Amino acid sequence: QGLMKSYGKVRALRGVDLEVQRGEIFGYLGPNGAGKTTTIRCLLDL
């Protein structure tokens, strides 16, 4: 909810809201640089 992450002046995530149900296959679609990798790293506390 409201996930935000910046790298200096670059705002990689600007308030991402996601909800994934147990037992489903959920696709996270976007062009390179959209914030997909940053989201996953935040989920794992990397």
ModelCIF file with pLDDT and N, C-alpha, C, O atoms, coordinates in Angstrom:
data_MODEL
#
_entry.id   MODEL 
#
_entity.id                         1 
_entity.type                       polymer 
_entity.pdbx_number_of_molecules   1 
#
_entity_poly.entity_id                      1 
_entity_poly.type                           'polypeptide(L)' 
_entity_poly.nstd_linkage                   no 
_entity_poly.nstd_monomer                   no 
_entity_poly.pdbx_seq_one_letter_code       QGLMKSYGKVRALRGVDLEVQRGEIFGYLGPNGAGKTTTIRCLLDL 
_entity_poly.pdbx_seq_one_letter_code_can   QGLMKSYGKVRALRGVDLEVQRGEIFGYLGPNGAGKTTTIRCLLDL 
_entity_poly.pdbx_strand_id                 A 
#
loop_
_entity_poly_seq.entity_id 
_entity_poly_seq.num 
_entity_poly_seq.mon_id 
_entity_poly_seq.hetero 
1 1  GLN n 
1 2  GLY n 
1 3  LEU n 
1 4  MET n 
1 5  LYS n 
1 6  SER n 
1 7  TYR n 
1 8  GLY n 
1 9  LYS n 
1 10 VAL n 
1 11 ARG n 
1 12 ALA n 
1 13 LEU n 
1 14 ARG n 
1 15 GLY n 
1 16 VAL n 
1 17 ASP n 
1 18 LEU n 
1 19 GLU n 
1 20 VAL n 
1 21 GLN n 
1 22 ARG n 
1 23 GLY n 
1 24 GLU n 
1 25 ILE n 
1 26 PHE n 
1 27 GLY n 
1 28 TYR n 
1 29 LEU n 
1 30 GLY n 
1 31 PRO n 
1 32 ASN n 
1 33 GLY n 
1 34 ALA n 
1 35 GLY n 
1 36 LYS n 
1 37 THR n 
1 38 THR n 
1 39 THR n 
1 40 ILE n 
1 41 ARG n 
1 42 CYS n 
1 43 LEU n 
1 44 LEU n 
1 45 ASP n 
1 46 LEU n 
#
_struct_asym.id          A 
_struct_asym.entity_id   1 
#
loop_
_ma_qa_metric.id 
_ma_qa_metric.mode 
_ma_qa_metric.name 
_ma_qa_metric.software_group_id 
_ma_qa_metric.type 
1 global pLDDT . pLDDT 
2 local  pLDDT . pLDDT 
#
_ma_qa_metric_global.metric_id      1 
_ma_qa_metric_global.metric_value   94.78 
_ma_qa_metric_global.model_id       1 
_ma_qa_metric_global.ordinal_id     1 
#
loop_
_ma_qa_metric_local.label_asym_id 
_ma_qa_metric_local.label_comp_id 
_ma_qa_metric_local.label_seq_id 
_ma_qa_metric_local.metric_id 
_ma_qa_metric_local.metric_value 
_ma_qa_metric_local.model_id 
_ma_qa_metric_local.ordinal_id 
A GLN 1  2 97.00 1 1  
A GLY 2  2 97.00 1 2  
A LEU 3  2 97.00 1 3  
A MET 4  2 97.00 1 4  
A LYS 5  2 97.00 1 5  
A SER 6  2 96.00 1 6  
A TYR 7  2 95.00 1 7  
A GLY 8  2 94.00 1 8  
A LYS 9  2 92.00 1 9  
A VAL 10 2 93.00 1 10 
A ARG 11 2 95.00 1 11 
A ALA 12 2 96.00 1 12 
A LEU 13 2 96.00 1 13 
A ARG 14 2 96.00 1 14 
A GLY 15 2 96.00 1 15 
A VAL 16 2 97.00 1 16 
A ASP 17 2 96.00 1 17 
A LEU 18 2 96.00 1 18 
A GLU 19 2 96.00 1 19 
A VAL 20 2 96.00 1 20 
A GLN 21 2 96.00 1 21 
A ARG 22 2 96.00 1 22 
A GLY 23 2 96.00 1 23 
A GLU 24 2 96.00 1 24 
A ILE 25 2 97.00 1 25 
A PHE 26 2 97.00 1 26 
A GLY 27 2 95.00 1 27 
A TYR 28 2 95.00 1 28 
A LEU 29 2 90.00 1 29 
A GLY 30 2 87.00 1 30 
A PRO 31 2 84.00 1 31 
A ASN 32 2 84.00 1 32 
A GLY 33 2 88.00 1 33 
A ALA 34 2 90.00 1 34 
A GLY 35 2 94.00 1 35 
A LYS 36 2 95.00 1 36 
A THR 37 2 95.00 1 37 
A THR 38 2 96.00 1 38 
A THR 39 2 97.00 1 39 
A ILE 40 2 97.00 1 40 
A ARG 41 2 97.00 1 41 
A CYS 42 2 97.00 1 42 
A LEU 43 2 97.00 1 43 
A LEU 44 2 97.00 1 44 
A ASP 45 2 96.00 1 45 
A LEU 46 2 96.00 1 46 
#
loop_
_atom_site.group_PDB 
_atom_site.id 
_atom_site.type_symbol 
_atom_site.label_atom_id 
_atom_site.label_alt_id 
_atom_site.label_comp_id 
_atom_site.label_asym_id 
_atom_site.label_entity_id 
_atom_site.label_seq_id 
_atom_site.pdbx_PDB_ins_code 
_atom_site.Cartn_x 
_atom_site.Cartn_y 
_atom_site.Cartn_z 
_atom_site.occupancy 
_atom_site.B_iso_or_equiv 
_atom_site.pdbx_formal_charge 
_atom_site.auth_seq_id 
_atom_site.auth_comp_id 
_atom_site.auth_asym_id 
_atom_site.auth_atom_id 
_atom_site.pdbx_PDB_model_num 
ATOM 1   N N  . GLN A 1 1  ? 0.853  -1.187  0.000   1.00 97.00 ? 1  GLN A N  1 
ATOM 2   C CA . GLN A 1 1  ? 0.000  0.000   0.000   1.00 97.00 ? 1  GLN A CA 1 
ATOM 3   C C  . GLN A 1 1  ? 0.886  1.233   0.000   1.00 97.00 ? 1  GLN A C  1 
ATOM 4   O O  . GLN A 1 1  ? 1.701  1.431   0.902   1.00 97.00 ? 1  GLN A O  1 
ATOM 5   N N  . GLY A 1 2  ? 0.716  2.058   -1.021  1.00 97.00 ? 2  GLY A N  1 
ATOM 6   C CA . GLY A 1 2  ? 1.469  3.311   -1.090  1.00 97.00 ? 2  GLY A CA 1 
ATOM 7   C C  . GLY A 1 2  ? 2.968  3.133   -1.117  1.00 97.00 ? 2  GLY A C  1 
ATOM 8   O O  . GLY A 1 2  ? 3.702  3.953   -0.565  1.00 97.00 ? 2  GLY A O  1 
ATOM 9   N N  . LEU A 1 3  ? 3.440  2.057   -1.759  1.00 97.00 ? 3  LEU A N  1 
ATOM 10  C CA . LEU A 1 3  ? 4.877  1.741   -1.757  1.00 97.00 ? 3  LEU A CA 1 
ATOM 11  C C  . LEU A 1 3  ? 5.641  2.776   -2.576  1.00 97.00 ? 3  LEU A C  1 
ATOM 12  O O  . LEU A 1 3  ? 5.327  3.015   -3.742  1.00 97.00 ? 3  LEU A O  1 
ATOM 13  N N  . MET A 1 4  ? 6.650  3.389   -1.953  1.00 97.00 ? 4  MET A N  1 
ATOM 14  C CA . MET A 1 4  ? 7.431  4.431   -2.609  1.00 97.00 ? 4  MET A CA 1 
ATOM 15  C C  . MET A 1 4  ? 8.931  4.154   -2.437  1.00 97.00 ? 4  MET A C  1 
ATOM 16  O O  . MET A 1 4  ? 9.384  3.717   -1.379  1.00 97.00 ? 4  MET A O  1 
ATOM 17  N N  . LYS A 1 5  ? 9.677  4.420   -3.501  1.00 97.00 ? 5  LYS A N  1 
ATOM 18  C CA . LYS A 1 5  ? 11.122 4.282   -3.439  1.00 97.00 ? 5  LYS A CA 1 
ATOM 19  C C  . LYS A 1 5  ? 11.761 5.201   -4.454  1.00 97.00 ? 5  LYS A C  1 
ATOM 20  O O  . LYS A 1 5  ? 11.359 5.230   -5.617  1.00 97.00 ? 5  LYS A O  1 
ATOM 21  N N  . SER A 1 6  ? 12.757 5.952   -4.015  1.00 96.00 ? 6  SER A N  1 
ATOM 22  C CA . SER A 1 6  ? 13.509 6.844   -4.898  1.00 96.00 ? 6  SER A CA 1 
ATOM 23  C C  . SER A 1 6  ? 14.982 6.498   -4.825  1.00 96.00 ? 6  SER A C  1 
ATOM 24  O O  . SER A 1 6  ? 15.489 6.065   -3.790  1.00 96.00 ? 6  SER A O  1 
ATOM 25  N N  . TYR A 1 7  ? 15.659 6.698   -5.949  1.00 95.00 ? 7  TYR A N  1 
ATOM 26  C CA . TYR A 1 7  ? 17.114 6.611   -6.013  1.00 95.00 ? 7  TYR A CA 1 
ATOM 27  C C  . TYR A 1 7  ? 17.612 8.015   -6.333  1.00 95.00 ? 7  TYR A C  1 
ATOM 28  O O  . TYR A 1 7  ? 17.671 8.420   -7.495  1.00 95.00 ? 7  TYR A O  1 
ATOM 29  N N  . GLY A 1 8  ? 17.966 8.746   -5.288  1.00 94.00 ? 8  GLY A N  1 
ATOM 30  C CA . GLY A 1 8  ? 18.316 10.150  -5.516  1.00 94.00 ? 8  GLY A CA 1 
ATOM 31  C C  . GLY A 1 8  ? 17.096 10.912  -6.009  1.00 94.00 ? 8  GLY A C  1 
ATOM 32  O O  . GLY A 1 8  ? 16.058 10.929  -5.347  1.00 94.00 ? 8  GLY A O  1 
ATOM 33  N N  . LYS A 1 9  ? 17.222 11.539  -7.166  1.00 92.00 ? 9  LYS A N  1 
ATOM 34  C CA . LYS A 1 9  ? 16.114 12.302  -7.735  1.00 92.00 ? 9  LYS A CA 1 
ATOM 35  C C  . LYS A 1 9  ? 15.161 11.457  -8.572  1.00 92.00 ? 9  LYS A C  1 
ATOM 36  O O  . LYS A 1 9  ? 14.110 11.933  -9.003  1.00 92.00 ? 9  LYS A O  1 
ATOM 37  N N  . VAL A 1 10 ? 15.539 10.193  -8.798  1.00 93.00 ? 10 VAL A N  1 
ATOM 38  C CA . VAL A 1 10 ? 14.702 9.305   -9.618  1.00 93.00 ? 10 VAL A CA 1 
ATOM 39  C C  . VAL A 1 10 ? 13.676 8.611   -8.737  1.00 93.00 ? 10 VAL A C  1 
ATOM 40  O O  . VAL A 1 10 ? 14.036 7.889   -7.807  1.00 93.00 ? 10 VAL A O  1 
ATOM 41  N N  . ARG A 1 11 ? 12.401 8.830   -9.027  1.00 95.00 ? 11 ARG A N  1 
ATOM 42  C CA . ARG A 1 11 ? 11.323 8.207   -8.259  1.00 95.00 ? 11 ARG A CA 1 
ATOM 43  C C  . ARG A 1 11 ? 10.941 6.890   -8.944  1.00 95.00 ? 11 ARG A C  1 
ATOM 44  O O  . ARG A 1 11 ? 10.178 6.875   -9.910  1.00 95.00 ? 11 ARG A O  1 
ATOM 45  N N  . ALA A 1 12 ? 11.486 5.791   -8.425  1.00 96.00 ? 12 ALA A N  1 
ATOM 46  C CA . ALA A 1 12 ? 11.262 4.487   -9.048  1.00 96.00 ? 12 ALA A CA 1 
ATOM 47  C C  . ALA A 1 12 ? 9.849  3.980   -8.792  1.00 96.00 ? 12 ALA A C  1 
ATOM 48  O O  . ALA A 1 12 ? 9.211  3.439   -9.695  1.00 96.00 ? 12 ALA A O  1 
ATOM 49  N N  . LEU A 1 13 ? 9.354  4.153   -7.562  1.00 96.00 ? 13 LEU A N  1 
ATOM 50  C CA . LEU A 1 13 ? 7.994  3.769   -7.198  1.00 96.00 ? 13 LEU A CA 1 
ATOM 51  C C  . LEU A 1 13 ? 7.294  4.978   -6.600  1.00 96.00 ? 13 LEU A C  1 
ATOM 52  O O  . LEU A 1 13 ? 7.848  5.672   -5.747  1.00 96.00 ? 13 LEU A O  1 
ATOM 53  N N  . ARG A 1 14 ? 6.070  5.223   -7.056  1.00 96.00 ? 14 ARG A N  1 
ATOM 54  C CA . ARG A 1 14 ? 5.366  6.440   -6.636  1.00 96.00 ? 14 ARG A CA 1 
ATOM 55  C C  . ARG A 1 14 ? 3.994  6.121   -6.040  1.00 96.00 ? 14 ARG A C  1 
ATOM 56  O O  . ARG A 1 14 ? 2.985  6.735   -6.386  1.00 96.00 ? 14 ARG A O  1 
ATOM 57  N N  . GLY A 1 15 ? 3.990  5.142   -5.135  1.00 96.00 ? 15 GLY A N  1 
ATOM 58  C CA . GLY A 1 15 ? 2.741  4.785   -4.477  1.00 96.00 ? 15 GLY A CA 1 
ATOM 59  C C  . GLY A 1 15 ? 2.088  3.557   -5.089  1.00 96.00 ? 15 GLY A C  1 
ATOM 60  O O  . GLY A 1 15 ? 0.975  3.636   -5.608  1.00 96.00 ? 15 GLY A O  1 
ATOM 61  N N  . VAL A 1 16 ? 2.781  2.412   -5.029  1.00 97.00 ? 16 VAL A N  1 
ATOM 62  C CA . VAL A 1 16 ? 2.299  1.183   -5.656  1.00 97.00 ? 16 VAL A CA 1 
ATOM 63  C C  . VAL A 1 16 ? 1.389  0.420   -4.692  1.00 97.00 ? 16 VAL A C  1 
ATOM 64  O O  . VAL A 1 16 ? 1.776  0.129   -3.560  1.00 97.00 ? 16 VAL A O  1 
ATOM 65  N N  . ASP A 1 17 ? 0.185  0.103   -5.151  1.00 96.00 ? 17 ASP A N  1 
ATOM 66  C CA . ASP A 1 17 ? -0.774 -0.704  -4.396  1.00 96.00 ? 17 ASP A CA 1 
ATOM 67  C C  . ASP A 1 17 ? -0.979 -2.034  -5.118  1.00 96.00 ? 17 ASP A C  1 
ATOM 68  O O  . ASP A 1 17 ? -1.409 -2.067  -6.271  1.00 96.00 ? 17 ASP A O  1 
ATOM 69  N N  . LEU A 1 18 ? -0.668 -3.121  -4.429  1.00 96.00 ? 18 LEU A N  1 
ATOM 70  C CA . LEU A 1 18 ? -0.807 -4.459  -5.000  1.00 96.00 ? 18 LEU A CA 1 
ATOM 71  C C  . LEU A 1 18 ? -1.468 -5.389  -3.993  1.00 96.00 ? 18 LEU A C  1 
ATOM 72  O O  . LEU A 1 18 ? -1.285 -5.238  -2.785  1.00 96.00 ? 18 LEU A O  1 
ATOM 73  N N  . GLU A 1 19 ? -2.227 -6.340  -4.488  1.00 96.00 ? 19 GLU A N  1 
ATOM 74  C CA . GLU A 1 19 ? -2.747 -7.406  -3.639  1.00 96.00 ? 19 GLU A CA 1 
ATOM 75  C C  . GLU A 1 19 ? -2.803 -8.684  -4.459  1.00 96.00 ? 19 GLU A C  1 
ATOM 76  O O  . GLU A 1 19 ? -3.521 -8.764  -5.456  1.00 96.00 ? 19 GLU A O  1 
ATOM 77  N N  . VAL A 1 20 ? -2.046 -9.676  -4.033  1.00 96.00 ? 20 VAL A N  1 
ATOM 78  C CA . VAL A 1 20 ? -1.952 -10.958 -4.737  1.00 96.00 ? 20 VAL A CA 1 
ATOM 79  C C  . VAL A 1 20 ? -2.494 -12.042 -3.826  1.00 96.00 ? 20 VAL A C  1 
ATOM 80  O O  . VAL A 1 20 ? -2.067 -12.172 -2.679  1.00 96.00 ? 20 VAL A O  1 
ATOM 81  N N  . GLN A 1 21 ? -3.444 -12.824 -4.342  1.00 96.00 ? 21 GLN A N  1 
ATOM 82  C CA . GLN A 1 21 ? -4.065 -13.877 -3.556  1.00 96.00 ? 21 GLN A CA 1 
ATOM 83  C C  . GLN A 1 21 ? -3.177 -15.115 -3.514  1.00 96.00 ? 21 GLN A C  1 
ATOM 84  O O  . GLN A 1 21 ? -2.411 -15.381 -4.441  1.00 96.00 ? 21 GLN A O  1 
ATOM 85  N N  . ARG A 1 22 ? -3.293 -15.857 -2.435  1.00 96.00 ? 22 ARG A N  1 
ATOM 86  C CA . ARG A 1 22 ? -2.554 -17.114 -2.332  1.00 96.00 ? 22 ARG A CA 1 
ATOM 87  C C  . ARG A 1 22 ? -3.014 -18.084 -3.427  1.00 96.00 ? 22 ARG A C  1 
ATOM 88  O O  . ARG A 1 22 ? -4.207 -18.192 -3.711  1.00 96.00 ? 22 ARG A O  1 
ATOM 89  N N  . GLY A 1 23 ? -2.078 -18.766 -4.019  1.00 96.00 ? 23 GLY A N  1 
ATOM 90  C CA . GLY A 1 23 ? -2.397 -19.786 -4.993  1.00 96.00 ? 23 GLY A CA 1 
ATOM 91  C C  . GLY A 1 23 ? -2.688 -19.281 -6.388  1.00 96.00 ? 23 GLY A C  1 
ATOM 92  O O  . GLY A 1 23 ? -3.212 -20.034 -7.210  1.00 96.00 ? 23 GLY A O  1 
ATOM 93  N N  . GLU A 1 24 ? -2.367 -18.031 -6.686  1.00 96.00 ? 24 GLU A N  1 
ATOM 94  C CA . GLU A 1 24 ? -2.592 -17.540 -8.045  1.00 96.00 ? 24 GLU A CA 1 
ATOM 95  C C  . GLU A 1 24 ? -1.269 -17.213 -8.724  1.00 96.00 ? 24 GLU A C  1 
ATOM 96  O O  . GLU A 1 24 ? -0.247 -17.010 -8.069  1.00 96.00 ? 24 GLU A O  1 
ATOM 97  N N  . ILE A 1 25 ? -1.313 -17.166 -10.043 1.00 97.00 ? 25 ILE A N  1 
ATOM 98  C CA . ILE A 1 25 ? -0.166 -16.722 -10.836 1.00 97.00 ? 25 ILE A CA 1 
ATOM 99  C C  . ILE A 1 25 ? -0.454 -15.290 -11.251 1.00 97.00 ? 25 ILE A C  1 
ATOM 100 O O  . ILE A 1 25 ? -1.398 -15.020 -11.994 1.00 97.00 ? 25 ILE A O  1 
ATOM 101 N N  . PHE A 1 26 ? 0.362  -14.388 -10.767 1.00 97.00 ? 26 PHE A N  1 
ATOM 102 C CA . PHE A 1 26 ? 0.120  -12.960 -10.942 1.00 97.00 ? 26 PHE A CA 1 
ATOM 103 C C  . PHE A 1 26 ? 1.244  -12.360 -11.777 1.00 97.00 ? 26 PHE A C  1 
ATOM 104 O O  . PHE A 1 26 ? 2.415  -12.470 -11.414 1.00 97.00 ? 26 PHE A O  1 
ATOM 105 N N  . GLY A 1 27 ? 0.894  -11.729 -12.889 1.00 95.00 ? 27 GLY A N  1 
ATOM 106 C CA . GLY A 1 27 ? 1.873  -11.109 -13.768 1.00 95.00 ? 27 GLY A CA 1 
ATOM 107 C C  . GLY A 1 27 ? 2.037  -9.632  -13.463 1.00 95.00 ? 27 GLY A C  1 
ATOM 108 O O  . GLY A 1 27 ? 1.065  -8.914  -13.227 1.00 95.00 ? 27 GLY A O  1 
ATOM 109 N N  . TYR A 1 28 ? 3.279  -9.198  -13.474 1.00 95.00 ? 28 TYR A N  1 
ATOM 110 C CA . TYR A 1 28 ? 3.623  -7.793  -13.202 1.00 95.00 ? 28 TYR A CA 1 
ATOM 111 C C  . TYR A 1 28 ? 4.270  -7.261  -14.463 1.00 95.00 ? 28 TYR A C  1 
ATOM 112 O O  . TYR A 1 28 ? 5.455  -7.488  -14.708 1.00 95.00 ? 28 TYR A O  1 
ATOM 113 N N  . LEU A 1 29 ? 3.494  -6.556  -15.259 1.00 90.00 ? 29 LEU A N  1 
ATOM 114 C CA . LEU A 1 29 ? 3.886  -6.197  -16.615 1.00 90.00 ? 29 LEU A CA 1 
ATOM 115 C C  . LEU A 1 29 ? 4.311  -4.735  -16.690 1.00 90.00 ? 29 LEU A C  1 
ATOM 116 O O  . LEU A 1 29 ? 3.650  -3.854  -16.140 1.00 90.00 ? 29 LEU A O  1 
ATOM 117 N N  . GLY A 1 30 ? 5.418  -4.493  -17.375 1.00 87.00 ? 30 GLY A N  1 
ATOM 118 C CA . GLY A 1 30 ? 5.850  -3.120  -17.579 1.00 87.00 ? 30 GLY A CA 1 
ATOM 119 C C  . GLY A 1 30 ? 7.144  -3.071  -18.366 1.00 87.00 ? 30 GLY A C  1 
ATOM 120 O O  . GLY A 1 30 ? 7.889  -4.051  -18.401 1.00 87.00 ? 30 GLY A O  1 
ATOM 121 N N  . PRO A 1 31 ? 7.418  -1.941  -18.997 1.00 84.00 ? 31 PRO A N  1 
ATOM 122 C CA . PRO A 1 31 ? 8.670  -1.810  -19.748 1.00 84.00 ? 31 PRO A CA 1 
ATOM 123 C C  . PRO A 1 31 ? 9.865  -1.756  -18.813 1.00 84.00 ? 31 PRO A C  1 
ATOM 124 O O  . PRO A 1 31 ? 9.709  -1.582  -17.604 1.00 84.00 ? 31 PRO A O  1 
ATOM 125 N N  . ASN A 1 32 ? 11.053 -1.906  -19.371 1.00 84.00 ? 32 ASN A N  1 
ATOM 126 C CA . ASN A 1 32 ? 12.264 -1.802  -18.564 1.00 84.00 ? 32 ASN A CA 1 
ATOM 127 C C  . ASN A 1 32 ? 12.328 -0.430  -17.902 1.00 84.00 ? 32 ASN A C  1 
ATOM 128 O O  . ASN A 1 32 ? 12.078 0.596   -18.536 1.00 84.00 ? 32 ASN A O  1 
ATOM 129 N N  . GLY A 1 33 ? 12.666 -0.434  -16.620 1.00 88.00 ? 33 GLY A N  1 
ATOM 130 C CA . GLY A 1 33 ? 12.759 0.824   -15.891 1.00 88.00 ? 33 GLY A CA 1 
ATOM 131 C C  . GLY A 1 33 ? 11.452 1.291   -15.287 1.00 88.00 ? 33 GLY A C  1 
ATOM 132 O O  . GLY A 1 33 ? 11.384 2.389   -14.735 1.00 88.00 ? 33 GLY A O  1 
ATOM 133 N N  . ALA A 1 34 ? 10.398 0.466   -15.381 1.00 90.00 ? 34 ALA A N  1 
ATOM 134 C CA . ALA A 1 34 ? 9.086  0.889   -14.870 1.00 90.00 ? 34 ALA A CA 1 
ATOM 135 C C  . ALA A 1 34 ? 8.977  0.769   -13.352 1.00 90.00 ? 34 ALA A C  1 
ATOM 136 O O  . ALA A 1 34 ? 8.130  1.424   -12.745 1.00 90.00 ? 34 ALA A O  1 
ATOM 137 N N  . GLY A 1 35 ? 9.825  -0.064  -12.723 1.00 94.00 ? 35 GLY A N  1 
ATOM 138 C CA . GLY A 1 35 ? 9.770  -0.259  -11.278 1.00 94.00 ? 35 GLY A CA 1 
ATOM 139 C C  . GLY A 1 35 ? 9.501  -1.690  -10.848 1.00 94.00 ? 35 GLY A C  1 
ATOM 140 O O  . GLY A 1 35 ? 9.261  -1.946  -9.668  1.00 94.00 ? 35 GLY A O  1 
ATOM 141 N N  . LYS A 1 36 ? 9.538  -2.627  -11.791 1.00 95.00 ? 36 LYS A N  1 
ATOM 142 C CA . LYS A 1 36 ? 9.223  -4.025  -11.465 1.00 95.00 ? 36 LYS A CA 1 
ATOM 143 C C  . LYS A 1 36 ? 10.260 -4.613  -10.504 1.00 95.00 ? 36 LYS A C  1 
ATOM 144 O O  . LYS A 1 36 ? 9.902  -5.177  -9.470  1.00 95.00 ? 36 LYS A O  1 
ATOM 145 N N  . THR A 1 37 ? 11.535 -4.482  -10.844 1.00 95.00 ? 37 THR A N  1 
ATOM 146 C CA . THR A 1 37 ? 12.595 -5.051  -10.014 1.00 95.00 ? 37 THR A CA 1 
ATOM 147 C C  . THR A 1 37 ? 12.634 -4.388  -8.641  1.00 95.00 ? 37 THR A C  1 
ATOM 148 O O  . THR A 1 37 ? 12.831 -5.062  -7.630  1.00 95.00 ? 37 THR A O  1 
ATOM 149 N N  . THR A 1 38 ? 12.449 -3.086  -8.602  1.00 96.00 ? 38 THR A N  1 
ATOM 150 C CA . THR A 1 38 ? 12.443 -2.371  -7.319  1.00 96.00 ? 38 THR A CA 1 
ATOM 151 C C  . THR A 1 38 ? 11.334 -2.890  -6.417  1.00 96.00 ? 38 THR A C  1 
ATOM 152 O O  . THR A 1 38 ? 11.543 -3.062  -5.216  1.00 96.00 ? 38 THR A O  1 
ATOM 153 N N  . THR A 1 39 ? 10.166 -3.139  -6.975  1.00 97.00 ? 39 THR A N  1 
ATOM 154 C CA . THR A 1 39 ? 9.055  -3.681  -6.187  1.00 97.00 ? 39 THR A CA 1 
ATOM 155 C C  . THR A 1 39 ? 9.433  -5.021  -5.571  1.00 97.00 ? 39 THR A C  1 
ATOM 156 O O  . THR A 1 39 ? 9.236  -5.232  -4.374  1.00 97.00 ? 39 THR A O  1 
ATOM 157 N N  . ILE A 1 40 ? 9.973  -5.926  -6.377  1.00 97.00 ? 40 ILE A N  1 
ATOM 158 C CA . ILE A 1 40 ? 10.325 -7.263  -5.880  1.00 97.00 ? 40 ILE A CA 1 
ATOM 159 C C  . ILE A 1 40 ? 11.397 -7.173  -4.800  1.00 97.00 ? 40 ILE A C  1 
ATOM 160 O O  . ILE A 1 40 ? 11.336 -7.904  -3.812  1.00 97.00 ? 40 ILE A O  1 
ATOM 161 N N  . ARG A 1 41 ? 12.360 -6.303  -4.969  1.00 97.00 ? 41 ARG A N  1 
ATOM 162 C CA . ARG A 1 41 ? 13.419 -6.160  -3.956  1.00 97.00 ? 41 ARG A CA 1 
ATOM 163 C C  . ARG A 1 41 ? 12.870 -5.614  -2.646  1.00 97.00 ? 41 ARG A C  1 
ATOM 164 O O  . ARG A 1 41 ? 13.344 -5.973  -1.568  1.00 97.00 ? 41 ARG A O  1 
ATOM 165 N N  . CYS A 1 42 ? 11.874 -4.749  -2.742  1.00 97.00 ? 42 CYS A N  1 
ATOM 166 C CA . CYS A 1 42 ? 11.234 -4.244  -1.520  1.00 97.00 ? 42 CYS A CA 1 
ATOM 167 C C  . CYS A 1 42 ? 10.461 -5.357  -0.812  1.00 97.00 ? 42 CYS A C  1 
ATOM 168 O O  . CYS A 1 42 ? 10.433 -5.409  0.417   1.00 97.00 ? 42 CYS A O  1 
ATOM 169 N N  . LEU A 1 43 ? 9.834  -6.245  -1.584  1.00 97.00 ? 43 LEU A N  1 
ATOM 170 C CA . LEU A 1 43 ? 9.081  -7.353  -0.992  1.00 97.00 ? 43 LEU A CA 1 
ATOM 171 C C  . LEU A 1 43 ? 9.983  -8.267  -0.168  1.00 97.00 ? 43 LEU A C  1 
ATOM 172 O O  . LEU A 1 43 ? 9.537  -8.856  0.816   1.00 97.00 ? 43 LEU A O  1 
ATOM 173 N N  . LEU A 1 44 ? 11.243 -8.387  -0.564  1.00 97.00 ? 44 LEU A N  1 
ATOM 174 C CA . LEU A 1 44 ? 12.194 -9.266  0.122   1.00 97.00 ? 44 LEU A CA 1 
ATOM 175 C C  . LEU A 1 44 ? 13.098 -8.513  1.095   1.00 97.00 ? 44 LEU A C  1 
ATOM 176 O O  . LEU A 1 44 ? 13.986 -9.108  1.706   1.00 97.00 ? 44 LEU A O  1 
ATOM 177 N N  . ASP A 1 45 ? 12.876 -7.220  1.240   1.00 96.00 ? 45 ASP A N  1 
ATOM 178 C CA . ASP A 1 45 ? 13.712 -6.367  2.088   1.00 96.00 ? 45 ASP A CA 1 
ATOM 179 C C  . ASP A 1 45 ? 15.172 -6.366  1.646   1.00 96.00 ? 45 ASP A C  1 
ATOM 180 O O  . ASP A 1 45 ? 16.079 -6.219  2.465   1.00 96.00 ? 45 ASP A O  1 
ATOM 181 N N  . LEU A 1 46 ? 15.385 -6.530  0.351   1.00 96.00 ? 46 LEU A N  1 
ATOM 182 C CA . LEU A 1 46 ? 16.736 -6.381  -0.191  1.00 96.00 ? 46 LEU A CA 1 
ATOM 183 C C  . LEU A 1 46 ? 17.080 -4.902  -0.321  1.00 96.00 ? 46 LEU A C  1 
ATOM 184 O O  . LEU A 1 46 ? 18.178 -4.560  -0.760  1.00 96.00 ? 46 LEU A O  1 
#
